[in-house]
C-alpha cells in the first residue's frame, strides 16, 4: 500500500496506511501480544519495506533519541462505518480510514508547519490492530510520520530526535520543498524544475500555493498570479525577479499545475 507526502499538493496531499506501539513507550496491552494505539510522540525503528506495507506493527517502540524511522503524530479510532467488519480492513478501505483519521493537516500541525511551508519527504503511514486483536474488539488507528529521502518514494531515513515542531527548528530546511531550476538564455529561471529539500542546493522555495488549469498558462501570466502568495510569504511586495513558477503537466489539454515559488538563488 502506497503512501504520499502530505506536502506534495492536491494530487498527493495525503498518504496511505499501517499500525502499533509498545510497553516501552508506556502503553498497556490489550492482550494476545497486540499493543494498543499507543501515545503521540512514540518512535519506531521500522526498516524493512514489508514493515510499511503490512497493516499492523507490533514491534516495540524505541526512544526517539535513538535511530528510528517513524514517529506517531496522532491516534484515533476506526470509523464506525468500518468497525463492524469481521476482517481487519485492507486496500482501499485502509486508505479511506487513513484519510479520515490521519489527515495531512494534523501532520502539518504536529511538525509546526506554517501556511506557506510546503512539506518535503514526509509520508503518513497508518497502522491497525493485528487480526487477532481486531477479532477481540480492538479498533484503534496509529498515525505515523516517516521522513524519507525522496518525496516520490518511500525510502525511510533513519534519524534521531522528534519531528514535533521540527519546522520551528534548524531542521526545517530538510523537511520543506524547494526547486532546482536551470537558467534560460536570457538568465530567467526555467518553468520546469526538480523537487528537492531546501537543505539541498536550490534556486527557489515553494510557498505552498498553486493553481490548476486545463491549458498551459503563459509564463508571465503564471508569475503574476503568484505575486500575492509570494508577497504573503515575504511580508512585503517582492522584487520583479523574486517570483518564479514551476509548471507541471503532460498533455496539451491538461491538467496543468502551477506552483508558486520565491527565488533564493542557491
Protein backbone atom coordinates (compact mmCIF):
# COMPACT_ATOMS: atom_id res chain seq x y z
CA UNK A 1 0.00 0.00 0.00
CA UNK A 2 1.49 3.31 -1.07
CA UNK A 3 1.80 6.50 0.88
CA UNK A 4 2.43 10.02 -0.33
CA UNK A 5 3.88 13.15 1.15
CA UNK A 6 1.21 15.42 2.59
CA UNK A 7 3.02 18.47 1.40
CA UNK A 8 3.05 17.46 -2.21
CA UNK A 9 -0.11 19.24 -3.48
CA UNK A 10 -3.72 18.39 -4.28
CA UNK A 11 -2.80 15.24 -6.18
CA UNK A 12 -0.74 13.98 -3.27
CA UNK A 13 -1.98 15.75 -0.19
CA UNK A 14 -2.36 12.69 1.95
CA UNK A 15 -0.97 9.21 2.20
CA UNK A 16 -1.90 5.64 2.97
CA UNK A 17 -1.93 3.13 5.85
CA UNK A 18 -0.45 0.83 8.74
CA UNK A 19 -0.11 0.34 12.91
CA UNK A 20 1.04 -0.14 16.75
CA UNK A 21 3.30 0.74 19.77
CA UNK A 22 4.64 -0.88 22.87
CA UNK A 23 5.09 -1.24 26.57
CA UNK A 24 8.44 0.54 26.23
CA UNK A 25 6.51 3.60 25.08
CA UNK A 26 4.36 3.48 28.20
CA UNK A 27 1.44 1.63 26.59
CA UNK A 28 -0.73 -1.08 28.02
CA UNK A 29 -1.56 -4.30 26.23
CA UNK A 30 -4.98 -5.42 25.11
CA UNK A 31 -3.80 -9.00 25.39
CA UNK A 32 -2.50 -11.62 22.96
CA UNK A 33 0.66 -9.62 22.30
CA UNK A 34 -1.05 -6.81 20.40
CA UNK A 35 -0.35 -3.30 21.74
CA UNK A 36 -2.96 -0.56 21.81
CA UNK A 37 -2.64 2.51 19.62
CA UNK A 38 -0.01 3.94 21.96
CA UNK A 39 0.91 7.54 22.52
CA UNK A 40 1.64 10.53 20.35
CA UNK A 41 5.38 11.13 20.17
CA UNK A 42 6.43 7.46 20.33
CA UNK A 43 9.11 6.45 17.81
CA UNK A 44 9.57 3.18 15.92
CA UNK A 45 12.53 1.58 14.15
CA UNK A 46 10.89 0.02 11.10
CA UNK A 47 13.49 -0.71 8.44
CA UNK A 48 12.28 -3.43 6.07
CA UNK A 49 9.99 -2.40 3.19
CA UNK A 50 7.40 -5.00 4.10
CA UNK A 51 7.00 -3.43 7.55
CA UNK A 52 5.49 -0.37 5.90
CA UNK A 53 3.20 -2.41 3.67
CA UNK A 54 1.61 -4.67 6.28
CA UNK A 55 -1.43 -3.28 8.10
CA UNK A 56 -0.09 -3.90 11.62
CA UNK A 57 3.09 -3.22 13.59
CA UNK A 58 3.53 -4.93 16.96
CA UNK A 59 7.29 -4.37 17.35
CA UNK A 60 8.47 -2.47 20.44
CA UNK A 61 8.85 1.29 20.15
CA UNK A 62 12.22 2.94 20.75
CA UNK A 63 13.36 6.14 22.42
CA UNK A 64 13.32 8.97 19.89
CA UNK A 65 16.89 9.77 20.89
CA UNK A 66 17.86 6.50 19.21
CA UNK A 67 17.85 5.85 15.46
CA UNK A 68 14.29 5.36 14.19
CA UNK A 69 12.21 5.73 11.02
CA UNK A 70 8.66 6.60 12.15
CA UNK A 71 7.01 8.73 14.83
CA UNK A 72 3.39 8.66 15.98
CA UNK A 73 1.78 12.07 15.47
CA UNK A 74 -1.86 11.12 16.09
CA UNK A 75 -4.00 8.24 17.31
CA UNK A 76 -7.67 7.58 16.69
CA UNK A 77 -10.44 5.05 16.24
CA UNK A 78 -11.60 3.19 13.15
CA UNK A 79 -14.70 5.00 11.80
CA UNK A 80 -17.97 3.32 12.73
CA UNK A 81 -18.79 2.51 9.11
CA UNK A 82 -15.84 0.10 9.06
CA UNK A 83 -15.62 -1.00 12.70
CA UNK A 84 -18.16 -3.80 12.29
CA UNK A 85 -16.20 -5.60 9.58
CA UNK A 86 -15.16 -9.13 10.53
CA UNK A 87 -11.84 -8.81 8.72
CA UNK A 88 -9.31 -6.14 9.52
CA UNK A 89 -9.54 -3.51 6.74
CA UNK A 90 -7.18 -3.65 3.78
CA UNK A 91 -6.69 -1.97 0.42
CA UNK A 92 -8.98 0.94 -0.37
CA UNK A 93 -10.76 0.64 2.98
CA UNK A 94 -7.47 1.13 4.81
CA UNK A 95 -6.74 4.14 2.61
CA UNK A 96 -10.14 5.63 3.43
CA UNK A 97 -9.57 5.08 7.16
CA UNK A 98 -6.24 6.86 6.94
CA UNK A 99 -7.68 9.84 5.10
CA UNK A 100 -10.30 10.23 7.81
CA UNK A 101 -8.20 9.53 10.91
CA UNK A 102 -4.73 10.74 9.83
CA UNK A 103 -5.36 13.90 7.77
CA UNK A 104 -2.43 15.82 6.36
CA UNK A 105 -3.39 18.94 8.30
CA UNK A 106 -2.86 17.06 11.56
CA UNK A 107 0.67 16.23 10.47
CA UNK A 108 1.30 19.83 9.42
CA UNK A 109 0.21 20.97 12.86
CA UNK A 110 2.41 18.38 14.59
CA UNK A 111 5.58 19.41 12.75
CA UNK A 112 4.81 23.12 13.20
CA UNK A 113 4.26 23.98 9.53
CA UNK A 114 3.17 27.50 8.62
CA UNK A 115 0.64 28.02 5.82
CA UNK A 116 3.48 28.91 3.43
CA UNK A 117 5.51 25.77 4.20
CA UNK A 118 5.37 23.04 1.55
CA UNK A 119 6.47 19.80 3.18
CA UNK A 120 9.05 17.58 1.52
CA UNK A 121 9.82 13.90 2.21
CA UNK A 122 7.21 13.40 4.94
CA UNK A 123 4.91 10.45 4.41
CA UNK A 124 1.99 9.26 6.51
CA UNK A 125 1.53 5.58 7.31
CA UNK A 126 -1.39 4.34 9.41
CA UNK A 127 -1.30 1.09 11.37
CA UNK A 128 -4.23 -1.01 12.60
CA UNK A 129 -4.56 -3.80 15.19
CA UNK A 130 -3.49 -7.31 14.25
CA UNK A 131 -6.29 -9.58 13.02
CA UNK A 132 -6.26 -11.40 16.35
CA UNK A 133 -6.69 -8.14 18.28
CA UNK A 134 -9.33 -6.99 15.79
CA UNK A 135 -11.26 -10.20 16.50
CA UNK A 136 -11.03 -9.32 20.20
CA UNK A 137 -12.54 -5.89 19.59
CA UNK A 138 -9.55 -3.55 19.14
CA UNK A 139 -10.38 -0.69 16.74
CA UNK A 140 -7.55 1.82 17.12
CA UNK A 141 -5.58 3.57 14.40
CA UNK A 142 -1.98 4.74 14.80
CA UNK A 143 -0.86 7.57 12.54
CA UNK A 144 2.89 7.72 11.95
CA UNK A 145 5.04 10.17 10.02
CA UNK A 146 8.01 8.82 8.05
CA UNK A 147 10.88 11.08 6.96
CA UNK A 148 12.02 9.85 3.56
CA UNK A 149 14.98 10.63 1.33
CA UNK A 150 12.70 11.32 -1.64
CA UNK A 151 9.27 12.80 -2.00
CA UNK A 152 8.13 10.35 -4.66
CA UNK A 153 9.22 7.09 -2.99
CA UNK A 154 9.02 5.65 0.49
CA UNK A 155 12.75 5.43 1.32
CA UNK A 156 12.86 5.99 5.10
CA UNK A 157 15.69 7.99 6.64
CA UNK A 158 16.95 6.71 9.98
CA UNK A 159 17.16 9.74 12.22
CA UNK A 160 17.23 10.78 15.85
CA UNK A 161 15.11 13.27 17.73
CA UNK A 162 11.41 14.09 17.47
CA UNK A 163 9.73 15.73 14.49
CA UNK A 164 7.31 17.56 16.76
CA UNK A 165 7.57 21.30 15.95
CA UNK A 166 10.58 20.45 13.77
CA UNK A 167 9.74 23.20 11.27
CA UNK A 168 10.35 25.72 14.03
CA UNK A 169 13.93 24.47 14.40
CA UNK A 170 17.14 24.20 12.41
CA UNK A 171 15.72 21.00 10.85
CA UNK A 172 13.15 22.93 8.83
CA UNK A 173 15.19 23.10 5.61
CA UNK A 174 15.44 19.31 5.34
CA UNK A 175 11.65 18.98 5.61
CA UNK A 176 10.49 21.68 3.21
CA UNK A 177 10.21 21.78 -0.59
CA UNK A 178 12.45 23.73 -2.89
CA UNK A 179 13.20 23.50 -6.61
CA UNK A 180 16.32 23.24 -8.68
CA UNK A 181 15.73 25.05 -11.99
CA UNK A 182 18.05 25.82 -14.88
CA UNK A 183 18.72 29.28 -16.24
CA UNK A 184 17.41 30.08 -19.71
CA UNK A 185 19.42 32.02 -22.27
CA UNK A 186 18.03 35.33 -21.02
CA UNK A 187 19.00 34.49 -17.43
CA UNK A 188 15.49 33.72 -16.18
CA UNK A 189 14.65 30.54 -14.34
CA UNK A 190 13.05 27.73 -16.33
CA UNK A 191 9.42 26.91 -15.51
CA UNK A 192 10.41 23.27 -15.04
CA UNK A 193 12.37 22.09 -12.04
CA UNK A 194 13.45 19.21 -9.85
CA UNK A 195 11.85 18.89 -6.41
CA UNK A 196 14.50 18.89 -3.66
CA UNK A 197 14.60 19.54 0.05
CA UNK A 198 15.54 23.10 0.92
CA UNK A 199 18.65 21.70 2.64
CA UNK A 200 19.98 20.86 -0.85
CA UNK A 201 21.27 23.35 -3.41
CA UNK A 202 18.24 25.02 -4.97
CA UNK A 203 17.08 28.04 -6.95
CA UNK A 204 13.66 28.66 -5.39
CA UNK A 205 11.41 27.79 -2.45
CA UNK A 206 7.82 26.57 -2.79
CA UNK A 207 5.43 28.84 -0.86
CA UNK A 208 2.62 26.26 -0.74
CA UNK A 209 0.35 28.00 -3.24
CA UNK A 210 -0.74 26.60 -6.59
CA UNK A 211 -3.38 26.71 -9.28
CA UNK A 212 -4.56 24.11 -11.76
CA UNK A 213 -5.72 24.79 -15.27
CA UNK A 214 -6.70 22.82 -18.36
CA UNK A 215 -4.48 24.96 -20.61
CA UNK A 216 -0.79 25.56 -20.05
CA UNK A 217 -0.54 29.21 -18.97
CA UNK A 218 1.92 31.73 -20.31
CA UNK A 219 4.93 32.12 -18.02
CA UNK A 220 4.41 35.78 -17.20
CA UNK A 221 0.71 35.25 -16.56
CA UNK A 222 1.53 32.43 -14.13
CA UNK A 223 4.18 34.51 -12.37
CA UNK A 224 1.78 37.44 -11.99
CA UNK A 225 -0.81 35.14 -10.45
CA UNK A 226 1.76 34.02 -7.85
CA UNK A 227 2.75 37.54 -6.71
CA UNK A 228 0.14 37.66 -3.88
CA UNK A 229 1.34 34.33 -2.42
CA UNK A 230 5.00 35.38 -2.52
CA UNK A 231 4.08 38.76 -1.03
CA UNK A 232 2.36 36.96 1.87
CA UNK A 233 5.44 34.74 2.35
CA UNK A 234 7.91 37.65 2.33
CA UNK A 235 5.70 40.05 4.24
CA UNK A 236 6.35 42.68 1.60
CA UNK A 237 5.95 43.10 -2.17
CA UNK A 238 8.60 41.04 -3.96
CA UNK A 239 11.21 42.39 -6.34
CA UNK A 240 10.29 41.85 -10.03
CA UNK A 241 12.70 38.92 -10.35
CA UNK A 242 11.89 37.31 -6.99
CA UNK A 243 8.84 35.34 -8.16
CA UNK A 244 9.11 32.15 -10.19
CA UNK A 245 6.83 29.24 -11.05
CA UNK A 246 7.14 25.54 -11.72
CA UNK A 247 4.59 24.40 -14.28
CA UNK A 248 3.79 20.70 -14.45
CA UNK A 249 1.67 18.78 -16.91
CA UNK A 250 1.95 16.21 -19.66
CA UNK A 251 -0.73 16.93 -22.26
CA UNK A 252 -1.83 19.96 -24.25
CA UNK A 253 -5.30 19.67 -22.75
CA UNK A 254 -4.01 19.50 -19.16
CA UNK A 255 -4.50 19.40 -16.35
CA UNK A 256 -1.57 21.68 -15.62
CA UNK A 257 -0.34 22.60 -12.17
CA UNK A 258 1.34 25.93 -11.49
CA UNK A 259 3.44 26.02 -8.32
CA UNK A 260 4.39 29.39 -6.83
CA UNK A 261 7.93 29.87 -5.55
CA UNK A 262 10.24 32.60 -4.33
CA UNK A 263 13.72 32.83 -5.83
CA UNK A 264 16.53 32.09 -3.37
CA UNK A 265 19.36 31.70 -5.85
CA UNK A 266 21.45 28.97 -4.26
